Amino acid sequence: MIKSTRSVKYRIPDGAHRWHAYKEIGATEIPVHIITLDGLAPLLYAAKKAIGPLQLSEEEA
């Protein structure tokens, strides 16, 4: 668990459906990868993921 001493807001550029699914089943912990993106990078990252998303692995399914 990571706790920050400053107020930080996160956006979900990829995996929002999975996040909602975890919330629906009442999960209190969700595995994530936190990356830092500035400028146009978040938009380009989201566009890339929308064009070629990866399928769920056997472990995730």
C-alpha atoms as a PDB file:
ATOM      1  CA  MET A   1       0.000   0.000   0.000  1.00  0.00           C
ATOM      2  CA  ILE A   2       1.312   3.417  -0.921  1.00  0.00           C
ATOM      3  CA  LYS A   3       0.215   6.481   0.985  1.00  0.00           C
ATOM      4  CA  SER A   4       1.106   9.978  -0.082  1.00  0.00           C
ATOM      5  CA  THR A   5       1.508  12.927   2.254  1.00  0.00           C
ATOM      6  CA  ARG A   6       0.380  15.327  -0.451  1.00  0.00           C
ATOM      7  CA  SER A   7      -2.958  15.598  -2.188  1.00  0.00           C
ATOM      8  CA  VAL A   8      -2.596  13.737  -5.476  1.00  0.00           C
ATOM      9  CA  LYS A   9      -5.269  13.064  -8.067  1.00  0.00           C
ATOM     10  CA  TYR A  10      -5.027  10.189 -10.505  1.00  0.00           C
ATOM     11  CA  ARG A  11      -6.663   9.589 -13.871  1.00  0.00           C
ATOM     12  CA  ILE A  12      -7.308   6.230 -15.473  1.00  0.00           C
ATOM     13  CA  PRO A  13      -6.193   6.439 -19.125  1.00  0.00           C
ATOM     14  CA  ASP A  14      -6.554   2.661 -19.545  1.00  0.00           C
ATOM     15  CA  GLY A  15      -8.456   0.026 -17.578  1.00  0.00           C
ATOM     16  CA  ALA A  16     -11.488   2.026 -16.447  1.00  0.00           C
ATOM     17  CA  HIS A  17     -13.804  -0.919 -17.159  1.00  0.00           C
ATOM     18  CA  ARG A  18     -11.660  -3.192 -14.989  1.00  0.00           C
ATOM     19  CA  TRP A  19     -11.663  -0.572 -12.227  1.00  0.00           C
ATOM     20  CA  HIS A  20     -15.471  -0.405 -12.291  1.00  0.00           C
ATOM     21  CA  ALA A  21     -15.673  -4.220 -12.258  1.00  0.00           C
ATOM     22  CA  TYR A  22     -13.427  -4.382  -9.190  1.00  0.00           C
ATOM     23  CA  LYS A  23     -15.637  -1.792  -7.471  1.00  0.00           C
ATOM     24  CA  GLU A  24     -18.781  -3.785  -8.318  1.00  0.00           C
ATOM     25  CA  ILE A  25     -17.447  -6.916  -6.614  1.00  0.00           C
ATOM     26  CA  GLY A  26     -16.449  -4.887  -3.564  1.00  0.00           C
ATOM     27  CA  ALA A  27     -12.680  -5.207  -3.956  1.00  0.00           C
ATOM     28  CA  THR A  28     -10.768  -3.048  -1.492  1.00  0.00           C
ATOM     29  CA  GLU A  29      -7.429  -3.405  -3.286  1.00  0.00           C
ATOM     30  CA  ILE A  30      -6.828  -3.147  -7.018  1.00  0.00           C
ATOM     31  CA  PRO A  31      -3.489  -3.878  -8.735  1.00  0.00           C
ATOM     32  CA  VAL A  32      -2.302  -0.803 -10.654  1.00  0.00           C
ATOM     33  CA  HIS A  33       0.673   0.587 -12.527  1.00  0.00           C
ATOM     34  CA  ILE A  34       1.223   4.273 -11.757  1.00  0.00           C
ATOM     35  CA  ILE A  35       3.032   6.241 -14.445  1.00  0.00           C
ATOM     36  CA  THR A  36       3.744   9.948 -14.788  1.00  0.00           C
ATOM     37  CA  LEU A  37       2.590  11.603 -17.998  1.00  0.00           C
ATOM     38  CA  ASP A  38       2.791  15.318 -18.816  1.00  0.00           C
ATOM     39  CA  GLY A  39       1.596  17.551 -21.638  1.00  0.00           C
ATOM     40  CA  LEU A  40       0.071  15.612 -24.528  1.00  0.00           C
ATOM     41  CA  ALA A  41       1.435  12.282 -23.293  1.00  0.00           C
ATOM     42  CA  PRO A  42      -1.790  11.264 -21.435  1.00  0.00           C
ATOM     43  CA  LEU A  43      -3.876  11.831 -24.556  1.00  0.00           C
ATOM     44  CA  LEU A  44      -1.433   9.946 -26.777  1.00  0.00           C
ATOM     45  CA  TYR A  45      -1.211   7.088 -24.257  1.00  0.00           C
ATOM     46  CA  ALA A  46      -5.004   6.733 -24.071  1.00  0.00           C
ATOM     47  CA  ALA A  47      -5.304   6.866 -27.868  1.00  0.00           C
ATOM     48  CA  LYS A  48      -2.680   4.148 -28.273  1.00  0.00           C
ATOM     49  CA  LYS A  49      -4.464   1.895 -25.779  1.00  0.00           C
ATOM     50  CA  ALA A  50      -7.834   2.501 -27.467  1.00  0.00           C
ATOM     51  CA  ILE A  51      -6.424   1.448 -30.836  1.00  0.00           C
ATOM     52  CA  GLY A  52      -4.612  -1.667 -29.684  1.00  0.00           C
ATOM     53  CA  PRO A  53      -5.793  -2.804 -26.256  1.00  0.00           C
ATOM     54  CA  LEU A  54      -4.437  -6.026 -24.833  1.00  0.00           C
ATOM     55  CA  GLN A  55      -6.768  -8.903 -24.043  1.00  0.00           C
ATOM     56  CA  LEU A  56      -7.077 -10.214 -20.504  1.00  0.00           C
ATOM     57  CA  SER A  57      -4.486 -12.792 -19.566  1.00  0.00           C
ATOM     58  CA  GLU A  58      -5.574 -16.217 -18.278  1.00  0.00           C
ATOM     59  CA  GLU A  59      -4.744 -15.016 -14.763  1.00  0.00           C
ATOM     60  CA  GLU A  60      -6.903 -11.883 -15.125  1.00  0.00           C
ATOM     61  CA  ALA A  61      -9.880 -13.642 -16.766  1.00  0.00           C
END
